[in-house]
């Protein structure tokens, strides 16, 4: 399944690289670093760096939501445990419920 997705993308990247062999002269200001690369490699490197920066920014933005979700789940577990403890306490503390005699139940339902 992965091959069906990546094969066309790989084919397009190879086609792009073969159709753009022109050399580009890159300099890094303020240093004297000079790199001569084919245009296709330069564009692909720029795209890869942009993809990684975008993924990093997305990861940073999702961290806050994940942290809030973990806190909410922790609080939910704490509240559920508290509810169970209160229910158990209520069952222990409540007096037994006395049932009405059968005659009283039938008279109240008739009227």
PDB file of N, CA and C in Angstrom:
ATOM      1  N   UNK A   1       0.824  -1.192   0.000  1.00  0.00           N
ATOM      2  CA  UNK A   1       0.000   0.000   0.000  1.00  0.00           C
ATOM      3  C   UNK A   1       0.867   1.255   0.000  1.00  0.00           C
ATOM      4  N   UNK A   2       1.954   1.209   0.795  1.00  0.00           N
ATOM      5  CA  UNK A   2       2.843   2.368   0.847  1.00  0.00           C
ATOM      6  C   UNK A   2       3.508   2.613  -0.497  1.00  0.00           C
ATOM      7  N   UNK A   3       3.806   1.530  -1.202  1.00  0.00           N
ATOM      8  CA  UNK A   3       4.463   1.665  -2.504  1.00  0.00           C
ATOM      9  C   UNK A   3       3.556   2.392  -3.494  1.00  0.00           C
ATOM     10  N   UNK A   4       2.251   2.161  -3.404  1.00  0.00           N
ATOM     11  CA  UNK A   4       1.313   2.856  -4.291  1.00  0.00           C
ATOM     12  C   UNK A   4       1.283   4.361  -4.036  1.00  0.00           C
ATOM     13  N   UNK A   5       1.580   4.756  -2.822  1.00  0.00           N
ATOM     14  CA  UNK A   5       1.585   6.180  -2.482  1.00  0.00           C
ATOM     15  C   UNK A   5       2.935   6.811  -2.813  1.00  0.00           C
ATOM     16  N   UNK A   6       4.020   6.137  -2.422  1.00  0.00           N
ATOM     17  CA  UNK A   6       5.336   6.742  -2.556  1.00  0.00           C
ATOM     18  C   UNK A   6       5.951   6.604  -3.945  1.00  0.00           C
ATOM     19  N   UNK A   7       5.562   5.629  -4.715  1.00  0.00           N
ATOM     20  CA  UNK A   7       6.142   5.452  -6.049  1.00  0.00           C
ATOM     21  C   UNK A   7       5.857   6.642  -6.973  1.00  0.00           C
ATOM     22  N   UNK A   8       4.627   7.136  -7.054  1.00  0.00           N
ATOM     23  CA  UNK A   8       4.401   8.311  -7.909  1.00  0.00           C
ATOM     24  C   UNK A   8       5.125   9.567  -7.408  1.00  0.00           C
ATOM     25  N   UNK A   9       5.189   9.720  -6.090  1.00  0.00           N
ATOM     26  CA  UNK A   9       5.895  10.884  -5.535  1.00  0.00           C
ATOM     27  C   UNK A   9       7.380  10.789  -5.853  1.00  0.00           C
ATOM     28  N   UNK A  10       7.957   9.613  -5.665  1.00  0.00           N
ATOM     29  CA  UNK A  10       9.368   9.416  -5.987  1.00  0.00           C
ATOM     30  C   UNK A  10       9.624   9.633  -7.472  1.00  0.00           C
ATOM     31  N   UNK A  11       8.724   9.152  -8.310  1.00  0.00           N
ATOM     32  CA  UNK A  11       8.853   9.356  -9.757  1.00  0.00           C
ATOM     33  C   UNK A  11       8.855  10.849 -10.096  1.00  0.00           C
ATOM     34  N   UNK A  12       7.958  11.608  -9.489  1.00  0.00           N
ATOM     35  CA  UNK A  12       7.906  13.058  -9.751  1.00  0.00           C
ATOM     36  C   UNK A  12       9.155  13.771  -9.246  1.00  0.00           C
ATOM     37  N   UNK A  13       9.684  13.348  -8.105  1.00  0.00           N
ATOM     38  CA  UNK A  13      10.915  13.970  -7.593  1.00  0.00           C
ATOM     39  C   UNK A  13      12.103  13.696  -8.512  1.00  0.00           C
ATOM     40  N   UNK A  14      12.215  12.468  -8.989  1.00  0.00           N
ATOM     41  CA  UNK A  14      13.300  12.127  -9.917  1.00  0.00           C
ATOM     42  C   UNK A  14      13.137  12.894 -11.222  1.00  0.00           C
ATOM     43  N   UNK A  15      11.912  12.971 -11.716  1.00  0.00           N
ATOM     44  CA  UNK A  15      11.643  13.733 -12.937  1.00  0.00           C
ATOM     45  C   UNK A  15      11.991  15.212 -12.759  1.00  0.00           C
ATOM     46  N   UNK A  16      11.643  15.770 -11.599  1.00  0.00           N
ATOM     47  CA  UNK A  16      11.984  17.161 -11.296  1.00  0.00           C
ATOM     48  C   UNK A  16      13.495  17.357 -11.245  1.00  0.00           C
ATOM     49  N   UNK A  17      14.198  16.432 -10.598  1.00  0.00           N
ATOM     50  CA  UNK A  17      15.651  16.545 -10.487  1.00  0.00           C
ATOM     51  C   UNK A  17      16.333  16.434 -11.849  1.00  0.00           C
ATOM     52  N   UNK A  18      15.843  15.560 -12.710  1.00  0.00           N
ATOM     53  CA  UNK A  18      16.456  15.400 -14.027  1.00  0.00           C
ATOM     54  C   UNK A  18      16.154  16.572 -14.963  1.00  0.00           C
ATOM     55  N   UNK A  19      15.029  17.233 -14.770  1.00  0.00           N
ATOM     56  CA  UNK A  19      14.671  18.326 -15.673  1.00  0.00           C
ATOM     57  C   UNK A  19      15.213  19.681 -15.226  1.00  0.00           C
ATOM     58  N   UNK A  20      15.872  19.759 -14.071  1.00  0.00           N
ATOM     59  CA  UNK A  20      16.441  21.022 -13.585  1.00  0.00           C
ATOM     60  C   UNK A  20      17.906  20.842 -13.180  1.00  0.00           C
ATOM     61  N   UNK A  21      18.788  20.567 -14.121  1.00  0.00           N
ATOM     62  CA  UNK A  21      20.196  20.326 -13.769  1.00  0.00           C
ATOM     63  C   UNK A  21      21.035  21.602 -13.685  1.00  0.00           C
ATOM     64  N   UNK A  22      20.444  22.776 -13.899  1.00  0.00           N
ATOM     65  CA  UNK A  22      21.224  24.017 -13.892  1.00  0.00           C
ATOM     66  C   UNK A  22      21.896  24.210 -12.525  1.00  0.00           C
ATOM     67  N   UNK A  23      23.095  24.722 -12.554  1.00  0.00           N
ATOM     68  CA  UNK A  23      23.870  24.956 -11.328  1.00  0.00           C
ATOM     69  C   UNK A  23      23.476  26.312 -10.746  1.00  0.00           C
ATOM     70  N   UNK A  24      23.271  26.319  -9.430  1.00  0.00           N
ATOM     71  CA  UNK A  24      22.927  27.546  -8.701  1.00  0.00           C
ATOM     72  C   UNK A  24      24.070  27.852  -7.752  1.00  0.00           C
ATOM     73  N   UNK A  25      24.469  29.105  -7.713  1.00  0.00           N
ATOM     74  CA  UNK A  25      25.566  29.576  -6.869  1.00  0.00           C
ATOM     75  C   UNK A  25      24.958  30.134  -5.582  1.00  0.00           C
ATOM     76  N   UNK A  26      25.159  29.448  -4.458  1.00  0.00           N
ATOM     77  CA  UNK A  26      24.592  29.867  -3.173  1.00  0.00           C
ATOM     78  C   UNK A  26      25.694  30.381  -2.266  1.00  0.00           C
ATOM     79  N   UNK A  27      25.445  31.542  -1.654  1.00  0.00           N
ATOM     80  CA  UNK A  27      26.396  32.095  -0.676  1.00  0.00           C
ATOM     81  C   UNK A  27      25.648  32.327   0.633  1.00  0.00           C
ATOM     82  N   UNK A  28      26.366  32.176   1.738  1.00  0.00           N
ATOM     83  CA  UNK A  28      25.780  32.388   3.054  1.00  0.00           C
ATOM     84  C   UNK A  28      26.353  33.678   3.621  1.00  0.00           C
ATOM     85  N   UNK A  29      25.509  34.714   3.587  1.00  0.00           N
ATOM     86  CA  UNK A  29      25.930  36.010   4.096  1.00  0.00           C
ATOM     87  C   UNK A  29      25.927  35.968   5.600  1.00  0.00           C
ATOM     88  N   UNK A  30      26.760  36.486   6.333  1.00  0.00           N
ATOM     89  CA  UNK A  30      27.912  37.352   6.120  1.00  0.00           C
ATOM     90  C   UNK A  30      29.225  36.584   6.003  1.00  0.00           C
ATOM     91  N   UNK A  31      29.161  35.267   5.875  1.00  0.00           N
ATOM     92  CA  UNK A  31      30.401  34.506   5.733  1.00  0.00           C
ATOM     93  C   UNK A  31      30.753  34.388   4.251  1.00  0.00           C
ATOM     94  N   UNK A  32      31.868  33.772   4.004  1.00  0.00           N
ATOM     95  CA  UNK A  32      32.311  33.574   2.631  1.00  0.00           C
ATOM     96  C   UNK A  32      32.040  32.149   2.152  1.00  0.00           C
ATOM     97  N   UNK A  33      31.060  31.483   2.752  1.00  0.00           N
ATOM     98  CA  UNK A  33      30.730  30.121   2.366  1.00  0.00           C
ATOM     99  C   UNK A  33      29.988  30.165   1.034  1.00  0.00           C
ATOM    100  N   UNK A  34      30.511  29.405   0.058  1.00  0.00           N
ATOM    101  CA  UNK A  34      29.903  29.353  -1.273  1.00  0.00           C
ATOM    102  C   UNK A  34      29.648  27.892  -1.621  1.00  0.00           C
ATOM    103  N   UNK A  35      28.436  27.613  -2.106  1.00  0.00           N
ATOM    104  CA  UNK A  35      28.070  26.250  -2.488  1.00  0.00           C
ATOM    105  C   UNK A  35      27.450  26.308  -3.871  1.00  0.00           C
ATOM    106  N   UNK A  36      27.914  25.435  -4.746  1.00  0.00           N
ATOM    107  CA  UNK A  36      27.323  25.307  -6.075  1.00  0.00           C
ATOM    108  C   UNK A  36      26.560  23.984  -6.124  1.00  0.00           C
ATOM    109  N   UNK A  37      25.243  24.080  -6.293  1.00  0.00           N
ATOM    110  CA  UNK A  37      24.386  22.896  -6.323  1.00  0.00           C
ATOM    111  C   UNK A  37      23.448  22.970  -7.515  1.00  0.00           C
ATOM    112  N   UNK A  38      22.977  21.824  -7.975  1.00  0.00           N
ATOM    113  CA  UNK A  38      21.948  21.853  -9.019  1.00  0.00           C
ATOM    114  C   UNK A  38      20.664  22.493  -8.462  1.00  0.00           C
ATOM    115  N   UNK A  39      19.929  23.146  -9.333  1.00  0.00           N
ATOM    116  CA  UNK A  39      18.704  23.827  -8.935  1.00  0.00           C
ATOM    117  C   UNK A  39      17.720  22.863  -8.273  1.00  0.00           C
ATOM    118  N   UNK A  40      17.589  21.667  -8.809  1.00  0.00           N
ATOM    119  CA  UNK A  40      16.628  20.707  -8.250  1.00  0.00           C
ATOM    120  C   UNK A  40      16.981  20.331  -6.818  1.00  0.00           C
ATOM    121  N   UNK A  41      18.255  20.110  -6.540  1.00  0.00           N
ATOM    122  CA  UNK A  41      18.682  19.761  -5.182  1.00  0.00           C
ATOM    123  C   UNK A  41      18.437  20.931  -4.244  1.00  0.00           C
ATOM    124  N   UNK A  42      18.704  22.140  -4.708  1.00  0.00           N
ATOM    125  CA  UNK A  42      18.475  23.331  -3.890  1.00  0.00           C
ATOM    126  C   UNK A  42      17.000  23.469  -3.521  1.00  0.00           C
ATOM    127  N   UNK A  43      16.128  23.287  -4.495  1.00  0.00           N
ATOM    128  CA  UNK A  43      14.686  23.400  -4.237  1.00  0.00           C
ATOM    129  C   UNK A  43      14.219  22.285  -3.315  1.00  0.00           C
ATOM    130  N   UNK A  44      14.690  21.058  -3.539  1.00  0.00           N
ATOM    131  CA  UNK A  44      14.275  19.941  -2.692  1.00  0.00           C
ATOM    132  C   UNK A  44      14.761  20.108  -1.256  1.00  0.00           C
ATOM    133  N   UNK A  45      15.973  20.628  -1.079  1.00  0.00           N
ATOM    134  CA  UNK A  45      16.482  20.884   0.276  1.00  0.00           C
ATOM    135  C   UNK A  45      15.651  21.972   0.949  1.00  0.00           C
ATOM    136  N   UNK A  46      15.320  23.028   0.217  1.00  0.00           N
ATOM    137  CA  UNK A  46      14.487  24.092   0.779  1.00  0.00           C
ATOM    138  C   UNK A  46      13.111  23.557   1.171  1.00  0.00           C
ATOM    139  N   UNK A  47      12.539  22.694   0.347  1.00  0.00           N
ATOM    140  CA  UNK A  47      11.237  22.105   0.669  1.00  0.00           C
ATOM    141  C   UNK A  47      11.331  21.218   1.908  1.00  0.00           C
ATOM    142  N   UNK A  48      12.394  20.440   2.020  1.00  0.00           N
ATOM    143  CA  UNK A  48      12.563  19.550   3.170  1.00  0.00           C
ATOM    144  C   UNK A  48      12.734  20.350   4.460  1.00  0.00           C
ATOM    145  N   UNK A  49      13.541  21.415   4.398  1.00  0.00           N
ATOM    146  CA  UNK A  49      13.734  22.259   5.583  1.00  0.00           C
ATOM    147  C   UNK A  49      12.419  22.923   5.980  1.00  0.00           C
ATOM    148  N   UNK A  50      11.664  23.400   5.008  1.00  0.00           N
ATOM    149  CA  UNK A  50      10.369  24.021   5.296  1.00  0.00           C
ATOM    150  C   UNK A  50       9.401  23.009   5.912  1.00  0.00           C
ATOM    151  N   UNK A  51       9.396  21.798   5.394  1.00  0.00           N
ATOM    152  CA  UNK A  51       8.536  20.754   5.946  1.00  0.00           C
ATOM    153  C   UNK A  51       8.895  20.467   7.395  1.00  0.00           C
ATOM    154  N   UNK A  52      10.194  20.340   7.679  1.00  0.00           N
ATOM    155  CA  UNK A  52      10.621  20.059   9.049  1.00  0.00           C
ATOM    156  C   UNK A  52      10.289  21.211   9.988  1.00  0.00           C
ATOM    157  N   UNK A  53      10.481  22.451   9.542  1.00  0.00           N
ATOM    158  CA  UNK A  53      10.133  23.601  10.382  1.00  0.00           C
ATOM    159  C   UNK A  53       8.632  23.659  10.642  1.00  0.00           C
ATOM    160  N   UNK A  54       7.822  23.393   9.631  1.00  0.00           N
ATOM    161  CA  UNK A  54       6.371  23.382   9.809  1.00  0.00           C
ATOM    162  C   UNK A  54       5.927  22.283  10.757  1.00  0.00           C
ATOM    163  N   UNK A  55       6.519  21.104  10.620  1.00  0.00           N
ATOM    164  CA  UNK A  55       6.181  19.990  11.515  1.00  0.00           C
ATOM    165  C   UNK A  55       6.572  20.321  12.950  1.00  0.00           C
ATOM    166  N   UNK A  56       7.719  20.962  13.138  1.00  0.00           N
ATOM    167  CA  UNK A  56       8.155  21.349  14.478  1.00  0.00           C
ATOM    168  C   UNK A  56       7.208  22.378  15.081  1.00  0.00           C
ATOM    169  N   UNK A  57       6.794  23.361  14.284  1.00  0.00           N
ATOM    170  CA  UNK A  57       5.866  24.378  14.785  1.00  0.00           C
ATOM    171  C   UNK A  57       4.514  23.750  15.143  1.00  0.00           C
ATOM    172  N   UNK A  58       4.045  22.815  14.348  1.00  0.00           N
ATOM    173  CA  UNK A  58       2.798  22.122  14.643  1.00  0.00           C
ATOM    174  C   UNK A  58       2.929  21.306  15.920  1.00  0.00           C
ATOM    175  N   UNK A  59       4.048  20.639  16.083  1.00  0.00           N
ATOM    176  CA  UNK A  59       4.289  19.831  17.279  1.00  0.00           C
ATOM    177  C   UNK A  59       4.276  20.714  18.522  1.00  0.00           C
ATOM    178  N   UNK A  60       4.913  21.893  18.438  1.00  0.00           N
ATOM    179  CA  UNK A  60       4.934  22.824  19.567  1.00  0.00           C
ATOM    180  C   UNK A  60       3.518  23.293  19.896  1.00  0.00           C
ATOM    181  N   UNK A  61       2.716  23.588  18.872  1.00  0.00           N
ATOM    182  CA  UNK A  61       1.360  24.085  19.128  1.00  0.00           C
ATOM    183  C   UNK A  61       0.466  22.999  19.716  1.00  0.00           C
ATOM    184  N   UNK A  62       0.706  21.744  19.397  1.00  0.00           N
ATOM    185  CA  UNK A  62      -0.117  20.647  19.904  1.00  0.00           C
ATOM    186  C   UNK A  62       0.274  20.276  21.329  1.00  0.00           C
ATOM    187  N   UNK A  63       1.486  20.613  21.746  1.00  0.00           N
ATOM    188  CA  UNK A  63       1.929  20.261  23.091  1.00  0.00           C
ATOM    189  C   UNK A  63       0.999  20.830  24.157  1.00  0.00           C
ATOM    190  N   UNK A  64       0.543  22.069  23.982  1.00  0.00           N
ATOM    191  CA  UNK A  64      -0.351  22.681  24.956  1.00  0.00           C
ATOM    192  C   UNK A  64      -1.666  21.931  25.077  1.00  0.00           C
ATOM    193  N   UNK A  65      -2.222  21.533  23.950  1.00  0.00           N
ATOM    194  CA  UNK A  65      -3.483  20.786  23.962  1.00  0.00           C
ATOM    195  C   UNK A  65      -3.289  19.417  24.605  1.00  0.00           C
ATOM    196  N   UNK A  66      -2.184  18.770  24.317  1.00  0.00           N
ATOM    197  CA  UNK A  66      -1.925  17.462  24.909  1.00  0.00           C
ATOM    198  C   UNK A  66      -1.762  17.566  26.420  1.00  0.00           C
ATOM    199  N   UNK A  67      -1.099  18.625  26.872  1.00  0.00           N
ATOM    200  CA  UNK A  67      -0.916  18.837  28.304  1.00  0.00           C
ATOM    201  C   UNK A  67      -2.264  19.071  28.979  1.00  0.00           C
ATOM    202  N   UNK A  68      -3.122  19.894  28.363  1.00  0.00           N
ATOM    203  CA  UNK A  68      -4.453  20.135  28.930  1.00  0.00           C
ATOM    204  C   UNK A  68      -5.269  18.848  28.958  1.00  0.00           C
ATOM    205  N   UNK A  69      -5.154  18.030  27.933  1.00  0.00           N
ATOM    206  CA  UNK A  69      -5.891  16.758  27.897  1.00  0.00           C
ATOM    207  C   UNK A  69      -5.412  15.823  29.004  1.00  0.00           C
ATOM    208  N   UNK A  70      -4.116  15.746  29.235  1.00  0.00           N
ATOM    209  CA  UNK A  70      -3.595  14.898  30.311  1.00  0.00           C
ATOM    210  C   UNK A  70      -4.086  15.381  31.669  1.00  0.00           C
ATOM    211  N   UNK A  71      -4.072  16.697  31.874  1.00  0.00           N
ATOM    212  CA  UNK A  71      -4.564  17.242  33.143  1.00  0.00           C
ATOM    213  C   UNK A  71      -6.047  16.947  33.322  1.00  0.00           C
ATOM    214  N   UNK A  72      -6.831  17.077  32.256  1.00  0.00           N
ATOM    215  CA  UNK A  72      -8.269  16.807  32.336  1.00  0.00           C
ATOM    216  C   UNK A  72      -8.522  15.333  32.636  1.00  0.00           C
ATOM    217  N   UNK A  73      -7.774  14.435  32.025  1.00  0.00           N
ATOM    218  CA  UNK A  73      -7.938  13.002  32.303  1.00  0.00           C
ATOM    219  C   UNK A  73      -7.566  12.685  33.739  1.00  0.00           C
ATOM    220  N   UNK A  74      -6.511  13.299  34.237  1.00  0.00           N
ATOM    221  CA  UNK A  74      -6.105  13.091  35.621  1.00  0.00           C
ATOM    222  C   UNK A  74      -7.182  13.587  36.572  1.00  0.00           C
ATOM    223  N   UNK A  75      -7.709  14.764  36.299  1.00  0.00           N
ATOM    224  CA  UNK A  75      -8.778  15.333  37.136  1.00  0.00           C
ATOM    225  C   UNK A  75     -10.035  14.464  37.071  1.00  0.00           C
ATOM    226  N   UNK A  76     -10.349  13.926  35.891  1.00  0.00           N
ATOM    227  CA  UNK A  76     -11.501  13.042  35.729  1.00  0.00           C
ATOM    228  C   UNK A  76     -11.347  11.790  36.579  1.00  0.00           C
ATOM    229  N   UNK A  77     -10.175  11.160  36.551  1.00  0.00           N
ATOM    230  CA  UNK A  77      -9.944   9.974  37.373  1.00  0.00           C
ATOM    231  C   UNK A  77     -10.069  10.309  38.851  1.00  0.00           C
ATOM    232  N   UNK A  78      -9.540  11.459  39.240  1.00  0.00           N
ATOM    233  CA  UNK A  78      -9.615  11.888  40.639  1.00  0.00           C
ATOM    234  C   UNK A  78     -11.075  12.087  41.055  1.00  0.00           C
ATOM    235  N   UNK A  79     -11.867  12.737  40.221  1.00  0.00           N
ATOM    236  CA  UNK A  79     -13.270  12.985  40.548  1.00  0.00           C
ATOM    237  C   UNK A  79     -14.078  11.693  40.567  1.00  0.00           C
ATOM    238  N   UNK A  80     -13.781  10.761  39.653  1.00  0.00           N
ATOM    239  CA  UNK A  80     -14.474   9.478  39.666  1.00  0.00           C
ATOM    240  C   UNK A  80     -14.176   8.699  40.940  1.00  0.00           C
ATOM    241  N   UNK A  81     -12.930   8.727  41.387  1.00  0.00           N
ATOM    242  CA  UNK A  81     -12.571   8.054  42.637  1.00  0.00           C
ATOM    243  C   UNK A  81     -13.280   8.718  43.811  1.00  0.00           C
ATOM    244  N   UNK A  82     -13.380  10.033  43.783  1.00  0.00           N
ATOM    245  CA  UNK A  82     -14.073  10.749  44.855  1.00  0.00           C
ATOM    246  C   UNK A  82     -15.564  10.411  44.867  1.00  0.00           C
ATOM    247  N   UNK A  83     -16.175  10.305  43.687  1.00  0.00           N
ATOM    248  CA  UNK A  83     -17.589   9.933  43.598  1.00  0.00           C
ATOM    249  C   UNK A  83     -17.807   8.538  44.157  1.00  0.00           C
ATOM    250  N   UNK A  84     -16.951   7.607  43.814  1.00  0.00           N
ATOM    251  CA  UNK A  84     -17.083   6.234  44.330  1.00  0.00           C
ATOM    252  C   UNK A  84     -16.918   6.200  45.837  1.00  0.00           C
ATOM    253  N   UNK A  85     -15.978   6.976  46.369  1.00  0.00           N
ATOM    254  CA  UNK A  85     -15.790   7.027  47.819  1.00  0.00           C
ATOM    255  C   UNK A  85     -17.016   7.623  48.505  1.00  0.00           C
ATOM    256  N   UNK A  86     -17.589   8.662  47.935  1.00  0.00           N
ATOM    257  CA  UNK A  86     -18.784   9.274  48.521  1.00  0.00           C
ATOM    258  C   UNK A  86     -19.985   8.339  48.444  1.00  0.00           C
ATOM    259  N   UNK A  87     -20.117   7.587  47.348  1.00  0.00           N
ATOM    260  CA  UNK A  87     -21.203   6.618  47.244  1.00  0.00           C
ATOM    261  C   UNK A  87     -21.063   5.529  48.299  1.00  0.00           C
ATOM    262  N   UNK A  88     -19.845   5.042  48.485  1.00  0.00           N
ATOM    263  CA  UNK A  88     -19.617   4.016  49.507  1.00  0.00           C
ATOM    264  C   UNK A  88     -19.908   4.574  50.888  1.00  0.00           C
ATOM    265  N   UNK A  89     -19.525   5.806  51.130  1.00  0.00           N
ATOM    266  CA  UNK A  89     -19.789   6.444  52.417  1.00  0.00           C
ATOM    267  C   UNK A  89     -21.295   6.623  52.625  1.00  0.00           C
ATOM    268  N   UNK A  90     -22.017   6.967  51.592  1.00  0.00           N
ATOM    269  CA  UNK A  90     -23.460   7.146  51.668  1.00  0.00           C
ATOM    270  C   UNK A  90     -24.159   5.824  51.959  1.00  0.00           C
ATOM    271  N   UNK A  91     -23.706   4.757  51.331  1.00  0.00           N
ATOM    272  CA  UNK A  91     -24.309   3.443  51.563  1.00  0.00           C
ATOM    273  C   UNK A  91     -24.071   3.003  53.005  1.00  0.00           C
ATOM    274  N   UNK A  92     -22.890   3.252  53.544  1.00  0.00           N
ATOM    275  CA  UNK A  92     -22.596   2.866  54.928  1.00  0.00           C
ATOM    276  C   UNK A  92     -23.379   3.704  55.924  1.00  0.00           C
ATOM    277  N   UNK A  93     -23.566   4.986  55.642  1.00  0.00           N
ATOM    278  CA  UNK A  93     -24.182   5.899  56.598  1.00  0.00           C
ATOM    279  C   UNK A  93     -25.706   5.919  56.523  1.00  0.00           C
ATOM    280  N   UNK A  94     -26.302   5.514  55.427  1.00  0.00           N
ATOM    281  CA  UNK A  94     -27.754   5.615  55.295  1.00  0.00           C
ATOM    282  C   UNK A  94     -28.439   4.499  56.070  1.00  0.00           C
ATOM    283  N   UNK A  95     -29.553   4.845  56.787  1.00  0.00           N
ATOM    284  CA  UNK A  95     -30.295   3.810  57.511  1.00  0.00           C
ATOM    285  C   UNK A  95     -31.029   2.927  56.508  1.00  0.00           C
ATOM    286  N   UNK A  96     -31.346   1.719  56.914  1.00  0.00           N
ATOM    287  CA  UNK A  96     -32.066   0.843  55.992  1.00  0.00           C
ATOM    288  C   UNK A  96     -33.447   1.419  55.689  1.00  0.00           C
ATOM    289  N   UNK A  97     -33.882   1.292  54.473  1.00  0.00           N
ATOM    290  CA  UNK A  97     -35.172   1.810  54.043  1.00  0.00           C
ATOM    291  C   UNK A  97     -36.226   0.766  54.378  1.00  0.00           C
ATOM    292  N   UNK A  98     -37.268   1.234  55.070  1.00  0.00           N
ATOM    293  CA  UNK A  98     -38.349   0.320  55.453  1.00  0.00           C
ATOM    294  C   UNK A  98     -39.400   0.346  54.363  1.00  0.00           C
ATOM    295  N   UNK A  99     -39.909  -0.790  54.017  1.00  0.00           N
ATOM    296  CA  UNK A  99     -40.930  -0.858  52.982  1.00  0.00           C
ATOM    297  C   UNK A  99     -42.310  -0.649  53.606  1.00  0.00           C
ATOM    298  N   UNK A 100     -43.220  -0.090  52.838  1.00  0.00           N
ATOM    299  CA  UNK A 100     -44.590   0.124  53.284  1.00  0.00           C
ATOM    300  C   UNK A 100     -45.341  -1.195  53.271  1.00  0.00           C
ATOM    301  N   UNK A 101     -46.322  -1.331  54.145  1.00  0.00           N
ATOM    302  CA  UNK A 101     -47.143  -2.545  54.086  1.00  0.00           C
ATOM    303  C   UNK A 101     -47.877  -2.610  52.758  1.00  0.00           C
ATOM    304  N   UNK A 102     -48.222  -3.787  52.328  1.00  0.00           N
ATOM    305  CA  UNK A 102     -48.867  -4.010  51.035  1.00  0.00           C
ATOM    306  C   UNK A 102     -50.185  -3.263  50.921  1.00  0.00           C
ATOM    307  N   UNK A 103     -50.958  -3.176  51.985  1.00  0.00           N
ATOM    308  CA  UNK A 103     -52.260  -2.499  51.953  1.00  0.00           C
ATOM    309  C   UNK A 103     -52.087  -1.005  51.711  1.00  0.00           C
ATOM    310  N   UNK A 104     -51.058  -0.400  52.271  1.00  0.00           N
ATOM    311  CA  UNK A 104     -50.833   1.027  52.086  1.00  0.00           C
ATOM    312  C   UNK A 104     -50.426   1.335  50.659  1.00  0.00           C
ATOM    313  N   UNK A 105     -49.717   0.430  50.040  1.00  0.00           N
ATOM    314  CA  UNK A 105     -49.273   0.651  48.657  1.00  0.00           C
ATOM    315  C   UNK A 105     -50.465   0.590  47.718  1.00  0.00           C
ATOM    316  N   UNK A 106     -51.384  -0.351  47.922  1.00  0.00           N
ATOM    317  CA  UNK A 106     -52.527  -0.472  47.023  1.00  0.00           C
ATOM    318  C   UNK A 106     -53.503   0.672  47.205  1.00  0.00           C
ATOM    319  N   UNK A 107     -53.704   1.177  48.439  1.00  0.00           N
ATOM    320  CA  UNK A 107     -54.603   2.301  48.661  1.00  0.00           C
ATOM    321  C   UNK A 107     -54.066   3.576  48.041  1.00  0.00           C
ATOM    322  N   UNK A 108     -52.755   3.821  48.118  1.00  0.00           N
ATOM    323  CA  UNK A 108     -52.192   5.058  47.560  1.00  0.00           C
ATOM    324  C   UNK A 108     -52.215   5.038  46.046  1.00  0.00           C
ATOM    325  N   UNK A 109     -52.120   3.875  45.440  1.00  0.00           N
ATOM    326  CA  UNK A 109     -52.158   3.821  43.988  1.00  0.00           C
ATOM    327  C   UNK A 109     -53.583   3.933  43.442  1.00  0.00           C
ATOM    328  N   UNK A 110     -54.608   3.594  44.242  1.00  0.00           N
ATOM    329  CA  UNK A 110     -55.995   3.666  43.817  1.00  0.00           C
ATOM    330  C   UNK A 110     -56.481   5.111  43.860  1.00  0.00           C
ATOM    331  N   UNK A 111     -56.087   5.866  44.862  1.00  0.00           N
ATOM    332  CA  UNK A 111     -56.612   7.220  45.007  1.00  0.00           C
ATOM    333  C   UNK A 111     -55.928   8.223  44.177  1.00  0.00           C
TER     334      UNK A 111
END
